[in-house]
Amino acid sequence: MTKYTVRWCRVVHVSKDKMSSEKPWLRENVTGLEYRKELTADSSYLFAVTAWNRWGESLLERGKILSITTDFPARITEKTDKSITSPHTGKDRR
């Protein structure tokens, strides 16, 4: 494998029978071993990955498209004060 292509789109509406996307599929060619994509809170995305070698790009199969939903709140509004006691020193760390 010489590289891979990550494709994604943000999904606006998801129902049992229909899925429509807000924007067209975007893509990025990646040559490293790691890829990171920042996602928006409370949103849904579709992701797909294809691999490249000397014969070209692998097939993009509908059954291998990953759906991800970020159903966490946009920001943390509550602070907590917790301490951890180290078993080695017995001292509190905050």
Protein backbone atom coordinates (compact mmCIF):
# COMPACT_ATOMS: atom_id res chain seq x y z
CA MET A 1 0.00 0.00 0.00
CA THR A 2 1.40 3.40 -0.95
CA LYS A 3 -1.31 5.64 0.55
CA TYR A 4 -4.95 5.69 1.51
CA THR A 5 -7.82 8.08 0.92
CA VAL A 6 -10.18 9.13 3.72
CA ARG A 7 -13.59 10.34 2.57
CA TRP A 8 -16.16 11.96 4.83
CA CYS A 9 -19.34 14.00 4.80
CA ARG A 10 -21.49 15.58 7.49
CA VAL A 11 -25.02 14.16 7.66
CA VAL A 12 -27.92 16.53 8.21
CA HIS A 13 -30.91 14.20 8.44
CA VAL A 14 -30.96 10.50 9.23
CA SER A 15 -34.14 8.44 9.05
CA LYS A 16 -34.79 4.73 8.78
CA ASP A 17 -34.94 4.76 4.97
CA LYS A 18 -33.11 7.90 3.88
CA MET A 19 -29.84 9.67 4.61
CA SER A 20 -29.03 13.09 3.14
CA SER A 21 -25.77 14.95 3.49
CA GLU A 22 -25.27 18.66 4.11
CA LYS A 23 -22.17 18.90 1.96
CA PRO A 24 -20.63 16.72 -0.74
CA TRP A 25 -18.14 14.06 0.20
CA LEU A 26 -14.71 15.52 0.97
CA ARG A 27 -11.50 13.53 0.72
CA GLU A 28 -7.90 13.62 1.78
CA ASN A 29 -5.02 11.42 0.64
CA VAL A 30 -2.91 10.19 3.55
CA THR A 31 0.55 8.60 3.46
CA GLY A 32 1.23 8.26 7.20
CA LEU A 33 0.00 5.67 9.66
CA GLU A 34 -2.32 8.01 11.57
CA TYR A 35 -5.11 10.38 10.55
CA ARG A 36 -7.07 12.77 12.76
CA LYS A 37 -10.25 14.66 11.93
CA GLU A 38 -11.82 17.19 14.29
CA LEU A 39 -15.58 16.64 14.57
CA THR A 40 -18.32 19.06 15.58
CA ALA A 41 -20.33 18.26 18.72
CA ASP A 42 -23.86 16.89 18.31
CA SER A 43 -23.36 16.01 14.61
CA SER A 44 -23.38 12.91 12.41
CA TYR A 45 -20.75 11.92 9.85
CA LEU A 46 -20.08 9.22 7.28
CA PHE A 47 -16.51 7.98 6.73
CA ALA A 48 -14.97 5.65 4.16
CA VAL A 49 -11.36 4.62 3.49
CA THR A 50 -9.80 3.24 0.32
CA ALA A 51 -6.24 2.01 -0.14
CA TRP A 52 -3.82 2.72 -2.99
CA ASN A 53 -1.06 0.51 -4.40
CA ARG A 54 0.79 0.31 -7.71
CA TRP A 55 -2.37 -0.94 -9.50
CA GLY A 56 -4.56 1.96 -8.32
CA GLU A 57 -7.25 2.62 -5.73
CA SER A 58 -9.31 -0.11 -4.04
CA LEU A 59 -13.07 -0.20 -4.49
CA LEU A 60 -15.28 1.94 -2.28
CA GLU A 61 -17.93 -0.44 -0.97
CA ARG A 62 -21.19 0.87 0.50
CA GLY A 63 -21.13 -1.84 3.18
CA LYS A 64 -17.83 -0.48 4.52
CA ILE A 65 -18.99 3.10 5.14
CA LEU A 66 -18.78 4.01 8.84
CA SER A 67 -21.43 6.20 10.48
CA ILE A 68 -20.32 8.25 13.51
CA THR A 69 -22.48 10.47 15.73
CA THR A 70 -20.96 12.92 18.21
CA ASP A 71 -23.79 13.18 20.70
CA PHE A 72 -21.71 14.83 23.42
CA PRO A 73 -22.36 18.42 24.57
CA ALA A 74 -20.45 21.22 22.85
CA ARG A 75 -18.69 22.30 26.06
CA ILE A 76 -18.28 21.29 29.69
CA THR A 77 -20.17 23.60 32.03
CA GLU A 78 -19.54 21.87 35.34
CA LYS A 79 -16.22 21.69 37.19
CA THR A 80 -15.37 18.97 39.67
CA ASP A 81 -12.58 18.83 42.23
CA LYS A 82 -11.06 15.37 42.42
CA SER A 83 -7.85 14.22 44.01
CA ILE A 84 -5.81 11.10 43.31
CA THR A 85 -3.65 9.52 45.98
CA SER A 86 -0.50 7.99 44.62
CA PRO A 87 0.03 4.45 45.99
CA HIS A 88 3.79 4.98 45.90
CA THR A 89 4.07 8.25 47.82
CA GLY A 90 0.73 8.51 49.64
CA LYS A 91 0.51 12.18 48.59
CA ASP A 92 -2.54 13.81 47.03
CA ARG A 93 -2.27 15.16 43.48
CA ARG A 94 -4.81 17.64 42.12
